[in-house]
Protein backbone atom coordinates (compact mmCIF):
# COMPACT_ATOMS: atom_id res chain seq x y z
CA UNK A 1 55.59 20.57 13.39
CA UNK A 2 58.57 22.87 14.08
CA UNK A 3 60.11 22.97 17.57
CA UNK A 4 59.78 26.00 19.82
CA UNK A 5 63.47 26.89 19.40
CA UNK A 6 63.14 26.84 15.61
CA UNK A 7 60.06 29.06 15.83
CA UNK A 8 61.85 31.58 18.08
CA UNK A 9 64.94 31.74 15.85
CA UNK A 10 62.78 31.96 12.74
CA UNK A 11 60.72 34.73 14.35
CA UNK A 12 63.85 36.76 15.15
CA UNK A 13 65.15 36.36 11.59
CA UNK A 14 61.74 37.39 10.22
CA UNK A 15 61.62 40.48 12.44
CA UNK A 16 65.12 41.54 11.39
CA UNK A 17 64.33 41.01 7.70
CA UNK A 18 61.12 43.04 8.09
CA UNK A 19 63.01 45.90 9.76
CA UNK A 20 65.46 46.06 6.85
CA UNK A 21 62.84 45.60 4.14
CA UNK A 22 60.68 48.34 5.63
CA UNK A 23 63.35 50.84 4.57
CA UNK A 24 62.47 50.34 0.88
CA UNK A 25 59.06 51.94 1.46
CA UNK A 26 60.70 55.23 2.44
CA UNK A 27 63.49 55.13 -0.15
CA UNK A 28 61.29 56.41 -3.04
CA UNK A 29 60.54 59.51 -0.96
CA UNK A 30 64.27 60.05 -0.37
CA UNK A 31 64.94 59.96 -4.12
CA UNK A 32 61.63 61.33 -5.40
CA UNK A 33 62.93 62.91 -8.67
CA UNK A 34 63.66 59.36 -9.92
CA UNK A 35 60.82 57.11 -11.08
CA UNK A 36 60.14 53.53 -10.00
CA UNK A 37 61.98 51.89 -12.90
CA UNK A 38 65.08 54.02 -12.33
CA UNK A 39 65.09 53.20 -8.61
CA UNK A 40 64.69 49.49 -9.35
CA UNK A 41 67.49 49.55 -11.94
CA UNK A 42 69.87 51.39 -9.60
CA UNK A 43 69.07 49.27 -6.56
CA UNK A 44 69.42 45.94 -8.32
CA UNK A 45 72.52 46.89 -10.28
CA UNK A 46 74.13 47.65 -6.92
CA UNK A 47 72.70 44.39 -5.51
CA UNK A 48 74.23 42.44 -8.41
CA UNK A 49 77.67 44.03 -8.01
CA UNK A 50 77.79 43.39 -4.24
CA UNK A 51 76.44 39.84 -4.62
CA UNK A 52 78.97 39.02 -7.36
CA UNK A 53 81.85 40.26 -5.19
CA UNK A 54 80.68 38.19 -2.19
CA UNK A 55 80.00 35.03 -4.17
CA UNK A 56 83.19 35.09 -6.28
CA UNK A 57 85.31 33.03 -3.83
CA UNK A 58 82.64 30.28 -3.78
CA UNK A 59 81.62 30.42 -7.44
CA UNK A 60 83.26 27.17 -8.57
CA UNK A 61 81.62 25.17 -5.78
CA UNK A 62 78.18 26.76 -6.22
CA UNK A 63 78.09 26.57 -10.00
CA UNK A 64 78.55 22.80 -9.70
CA UNK A 65 75.46 22.59 -7.46
CA UNK A 66 73.15 24.63 -9.69
CA UNK A 67 71.73 23.22 -12.92
CA UNK A 68 69.69 24.69 -15.78
CA UNK A 69 66.40 24.20 -13.90
CA UNK A 70 67.71 26.13 -10.90
CA UNK A 71 69.03 28.96 -13.08
CA UNK A 72 65.62 29.30 -14.73
CA UNK A 73 64.03 29.40 -11.29
CA UNK A 74 66.46 32.13 -10.21
CA UNK A 75 65.48 34.24 -13.23
CA UNK A 76 61.77 33.93 -12.39
CA UNK A 77 62.36 34.60 -8.68
CA UNK A 78 64.56 37.61 -9.46
CA UNK A 79 61.82 39.11 -11.62
CA UNK A 80 58.94 38.39 -9.23
CA UNK A 81 60.61 39.17 -5.91
CA UNK A 82 62.91 41.98 -6.93
CA UNK A 83 62.56 43.83 -10.22
CA UNK A 84 58.82 43.64 -10.99
CA UNK A 85 57.89 43.89 -7.32
CA UNK A 86 60.01 46.96 -6.63
CA UNK A 87 59.04 48.85 -9.79
CA UNK A 88 55.41 48.59 -8.73
CA UNK A 89 56.12 49.24 -5.04
CA UNK A 90 58.18 52.39 -5.70
CA UNK A 91 55.51 53.67 -8.09
CA UNK A 92 52.80 52.94 -5.52
CA UNK A 93 54.67 54.91 -2.83
CA UNK A 94 55.21 57.89 -5.13
CA UNK A 95 51.58 57.96 -6.32
CA UNK A 96 49.73 56.82 -3.20
CA UNK A 97 52.08 57.29 -0.26
CA UNK A 98 53.79 55.01 2.25
CA UNK A 99 50.68 54.24 4.32
CA UNK A 100 48.51 53.09 1.41
CA UNK A 101 51.30 50.95 -0.03
CA UNK A 102 51.98 49.40 3.36
CA UNK A 103 48.27 48.65 3.65
CA UNK A 104 48.09 46.66 0.42
CA UNK A 105 51.40 44.86 0.94
CA UNK A 106 50.07 44.02 4.40
CA UNK A 107 47.71 41.55 2.74
CA UNK A 108 50.70 39.40 1.78
CA UNK A 109 50.53 37.28 4.96
CA UNK A 110 46.90 36.45 4.26
CA UNK A 111 47.62 35.42 0.67
CA UNK A 112 50.76 33.38 1.47
CA UNK A 113 49.23 31.72 4.52
CA UNK A 114 46.12 30.65 2.59
CA UNK A 115 48.34 29.09 -0.10
CA UNK A 116 50.59 27.46 2.50
CA UNK A 117 47.62 25.96 4.35
CA UNK A 118 47.14 23.59 1.41
CA UNK A 119 50.61 22.03 1.83
CA UNK A 120 50.87 18.48 3.12
CA UNK A 121 51.15 18.45 6.91
CA UNK A 122 50.32 22.16 7.22
CA UNK A 123 48.49 23.57 10.21
CA UNK A 124 44.73 23.22 9.63
CA UNK A 125 43.11 26.33 8.18
CA UNK A 126 40.64 26.52 11.09
CA UNK A 127 43.52 27.11 13.55
CA UNK A 128 44.85 29.89 11.33
CA UNK A 129 41.51 31.67 10.99
CA UNK A 130 41.88 33.97 14.08
CA UNK A 131 45.30 35.15 12.90
CA UNK A 132 44.07 35.81 9.37
CA UNK A 133 41.02 37.70 10.62
CA UNK A 134 43.18 39.93 12.83
CA UNK A 135 45.57 40.55 9.93
CA UNK A 136 42.74 41.53 7.60
CA UNK A 137 41.20 43.78 10.27
CA UNK A 138 44.56 45.49 10.88
CA UNK A 139 45.25 46.36 7.26
CA UNK A 140 41.59 47.35 6.87
CA UNK A 141 42.01 49.99 9.57
CA UNK A 142 45.11 51.34 7.83
CA UNK A 143 43.16 51.48 4.58
CA UNK A 144 40.32 53.39 6.19
CA UNK A 145 42.83 55.85 7.61
CA UNK A 146 44.74 56.24 4.32
CA UNK A 147 41.86 56.58 1.87
CA UNK A 148 39.20 58.20 4.03
CA UNK A 149 40.54 61.75 3.74
CA UNK A 150 41.52 61.72 0.06
CA UNK A 151 40.61 64.93 -1.78
CA UNK A 152 38.76 64.54 -5.13
CA UNK A 153 41.67 66.04 -7.08
CA UNK A 154 44.07 63.47 -5.62
CA UNK A 155 41.89 60.43 -6.37
CA UNK A 156 43.50 59.67 -9.76
CA UNK A 157 46.95 59.44 -8.24
CA UNK A 158 45.61 57.35 -5.35
CA UNK A 159 43.96 54.91 -7.76
CA UNK A 160 47.16 54.57 -9.82
CA UNK A 161 49.08 53.98 -6.59
CA UNK A 162 46.52 51.43 -5.46
CA UNK A 163 46.75 49.52 -8.76
CA UNK A 164 50.57 49.49 -8.54
CA UNK A 165 50.41 48.29 -4.93
CA UNK A 166 48.13 45.37 -5.84
CA UNK A 167 50.44 44.45 -8.72
CA UNK A 168 53.34 44.41 -6.23
CA UNK A 169 51.22 42.28 -3.89
CA UNK A 170 50.63 39.65 -6.57
CA UNK A 171 54.25 39.60 -7.66
CA UNK A 172 55.67 39.14 -4.17
CA UNK A 173 53.08 36.57 -3.14
CA UNK A 174 54.17 34.38 -6.05
CA UNK A 175 57.82 34.96 -5.11
CA UNK A 176 57.39 34.13 -1.41
CA UNK A 177 55.66 30.81 -2.12
CA UNK A 178 58.00 29.73 -4.92
CA UNK A 179 61.18 30.80 -3.10
CA UNK A 180 60.23 28.89 0.05
CA UNK A 181 59.60 25.73 -1.97
CA UNK A 182 62.84 26.02 -3.91
CA UNK A 183 64.80 26.37 -0.67
CA UNK A 184 63.16 23.18 0.58
CA UNK A 185 64.27 21.36 -2.61
CA UNK A 186 67.89 22.53 -2.28
CA UNK A 187 69.15 21.58 1.21
CA UNK A 188 72.74 21.54 -0.15
CA UNK A 189 72.57 25.29 -0.94
CA UNK A 190 72.58 27.69 2.02
CA UNK A 191 70.04 30.48 2.28
CA UNK A 192 72.86 33.05 2.03
CA UNK A 193 74.24 31.46 -1.15
CA UNK A 194 70.76 31.29 -2.69
CA UNK A 195 70.29 34.98 -1.89
CA UNK A 196 73.62 35.88 -3.50
CA UNK A 197 72.83 33.80 -6.59
CA UNK A 198 69.51 35.63 -6.81
CA UNK A 199 71.43 38.88 -6.56
CA UNK A 200 73.77 38.00 -9.42
CA UNK A 201 70.83 37.11 -11.67
CA UNK A 202 68.90 40.21 -10.56
CA UNK A 203 71.89 42.42 -11.36
CA UNK A 204 72.10 40.94 -14.86
CA UNK A 205 68.38 41.53 -15.41
CA UNK A 206 68.72 45.09 -14.06
CA UNK A 207 71.13 45.87 -16.90
CA UNK A 208 68.25 45.23 -19.31
CA UNK A 209 65.84 47.64 -17.59
CA UNK A 210 68.56 50.26 -16.98
CA UNK A 211 68.71 51.07 -20.70
CA UNK A 212 65.10 52.24 -21.09
CA UNK A 213 65.03 53.61 -17.53
CA UNK A 214 67.93 56.03 -17.96
CA UNK A 215 68.21 56.54 -21.74
CA UNK A 216 64.59 56.70 -22.89
CA UNK A 217 63.53 58.72 -19.83
CA UNK A 218 66.82 60.29 -18.71
CA UNK A 219 65.40 63.23 -16.79
CA UNK A 220 67.42 66.28 -15.74
CA UNK A 221 68.96 65.72 -12.33
CA UNK A 222 71.26 67.96 -10.34
CA UNK A 223 74.60 66.53 -9.11
CA UNK A 224 73.34 66.42 -5.51
CA UNK A 225 70.28 64.45 -6.65
CA UNK A 226 72.54 61.89 -8.33
CA UNK A 227 74.62 61.60 -5.13
CA UNK A 228 71.49 61.05 -3.06
CA UNK A 229 70.24 58.49 -5.59
CA UNK A 230 73.51 56.52 -5.45
CA UNK A 231 73.47 56.56 -1.65
CA UNK A 232 69.82 55.43 -1.49
CA UNK A 233 70.09 52.56 -4.01
CA UNK A 234 73.40 51.35 -2.51
CA UNK A 235 71.90 51.37 0.98
CA UNK A 236 68.86 49.42 -0.21
CA UNK A 237 71.07 46.92 -2.02
CA UNK A 238 73.23 46.22 1.01
CA UNK A 239 70.66 46.36 3.82
CA UNK A 240 67.45 45.13 2.21
CA UNK A 241 68.71 42.91 -0.62
CA UNK A 242 71.91 41.35 0.78
CA UNK A 243 71.31 41.21 4.53
CA UNK A 244 67.49 41.21 4.52
CA UNK A 245 67.18 38.47 1.90
CA UNK A 246 69.73 36.27 3.70
CA UNK A 247 67.75 36.60 6.95
CA UNK A 248 64.50 35.84 5.09
CA UNK A 249 65.95 32.71 3.47
CA UNK A 250 67.18 31.45 6.85
CA UNK A 251 63.76 32.09 8.33
CA UNK A 252 62.09 30.29 5.39
CA UNK A 253 64.04 27.15 6.26
CA UNK A 254 63.15 27.33 9.94
CA UNK A 255 59.40 27.91 9.63
CA UNK A 256 56.54 26.29 7.67
CA UNK A 257 55.03 28.27 4.80
CA UNK A 258 51.88 29.12 6.78
CA UNK A 259 54.06 30.86 9.40
CA UNK A 260 56.41 32.34 6.80
CA UNK A 261 53.45 34.30 5.45
CA UNK A 262 52.85 35.91 8.84
CA UNK A 263 56.45 37.14 9.06
CA UNK A 264 55.78 39.54 6.18
CA UNK A 265 53.68 41.53 8.63
CA UNK A 266 56.89 42.81 10.21
CA UNK A 267 57.79 44.52 6.93
CA UNK A 268 54.41 46.27 7.02
CA UNK A 269 54.80 47.25 10.67
CA UNK A 270 58.29 48.69 10.21
CA UNK A 271 57.29 50.42 6.97
CA UNK A 272 54.51 52.21 8.86
CA UNK A 273 56.87 53.20 11.69
CA UNK A 274 59.42 54.57 9.23
CA UNK A 275 56.63 56.39 7.42
CA UNK A 276 55.55 58.10 10.65
CA UNK A 277 59.15 59.18 11.30
CA UNK A 278 59.43 60.53 7.76
CA UNK A 279 56.17 62.46 8.10
CA UNK A 280 57.18 63.57 11.63
CA UNK A 281 53.92 62.62 13.25
CA UNK A 282 52.49 60.10 15.69
CA UNK A 283 50.10 57.35 14.57
CA UNK A 284 46.40 58.09 14.75
CA UNK A 285 44.06 56.01 16.90
CA UNK A 286 43.15 53.88 13.86
CA UNK A 287 46.81 53.29 13.04
CA UNK A 288 47.58 52.34 16.64
CA UNK A 289 44.71 49.86 16.49
CA UNK A 290 46.03 48.44 13.22
CA UNK A 291 49.50 47.87 14.65
CA UNK A 292 48.05 46.10 17.70
CA UNK A 293 46.08 43.82 15.39
CA UNK A 294 49.17 43.13 13.26
CA UNK A 295 51.18 42.07 16.32
CA UNK A 296 48.23 40.05 17.62
CA UNK A 297 47.96 38.28 14.28
CA UNK A 298 51.59 37.13 14.45
CA UNK A 299 51.24 35.97 18.07
CA UNK A 300 48.09 33.95 17.38
CA UNK A 301 49.71 32.39 14.31
CA UNK A 302 52.75 31.38 16.38
CA UNK A 303 50.38 29.87 18.96
CA UNK A 304 48.68 27.84 16.23
CA UNK A 305 52.07 26.37 15.26
CA UNK A 306 53.07 25.26 18.76
CA UNK A 307 53.24 21.50 19.31
CA UNK A 308 49.87 20.13 20.61
CA UNK A 309 51.31 19.12 23.99
CA UNK A 310 52.63 22.62 24.63
CA UNK A 311 49.28 24.19 23.74
CA UNK A 312 47.49 21.90 26.21
CA UNK A 313 49.97 22.70 29.01
CA UNK A 314 49.74 26.44 28.32
CA UNK A 315 45.95 26.28 28.35
CA UNK A 316 45.90 24.47 31.70
CA UNK A 317 48.28 26.96 33.35
CA UNK A 318 46.51 30.06 32.05
């Protein structure tokens, strides 16, 4: 059972990572002329270049710590957590909007927490049930809000967006579980170094998808659109991929997997807030209710992970 200090530090790292990751939900709107594959290729090429520059001074030491099995894992993690995930997420945002995509990705905590509850020594599922129910209710309210007013002519695009969002959900769920377990197996590799290694591999893989993304479907973009595209993908690479991933990896080492899953809710929460700012509107009553439930879900999950003695004392003083 993690200590209270570890939970607090892990919570802060998770919140910061969520705030940075939430930006990627708005980025496809900022560079709308470019499709999901082009955005993914640009973002992860930039991620690879920055990661390679940062890791170069430590390359000799790190390469000695990483074997063939770890390199294969990095390839799989780079595909699941970065390239495949973001292609589907960007497509979901462009077809279905920020709110719908946030809704579906909001189910990530439920999926990851259910998987994590089967780990040895994990918090019993019964103690996690209130948090999971609140999480499901919160994203359900967002879904009602997002899909309830869809016009018949827009339904095809919404359905394509929904399918892409669920594909992103599956890809990132697999990444979150596998990445957390690999970090636990490699105590001699820091979370920051693991993130940079992931970035180097992701950048190499992005070269492969860049060819069909920009040559087969080149598009006709104005110079100012290219400048905006470069600024958007570079910003995502630095903020979300470099800094956000490092914070997430540190959090993954501080918290158990069942609590790691709940931290993904902060990405959903910030994505919704950024979406409201982009659309220049306030949340509706349903969206306010959803955000309250999201925050309540995290708080009840943190409560479930407190040491037994602390829960007893808190109950007696309340």
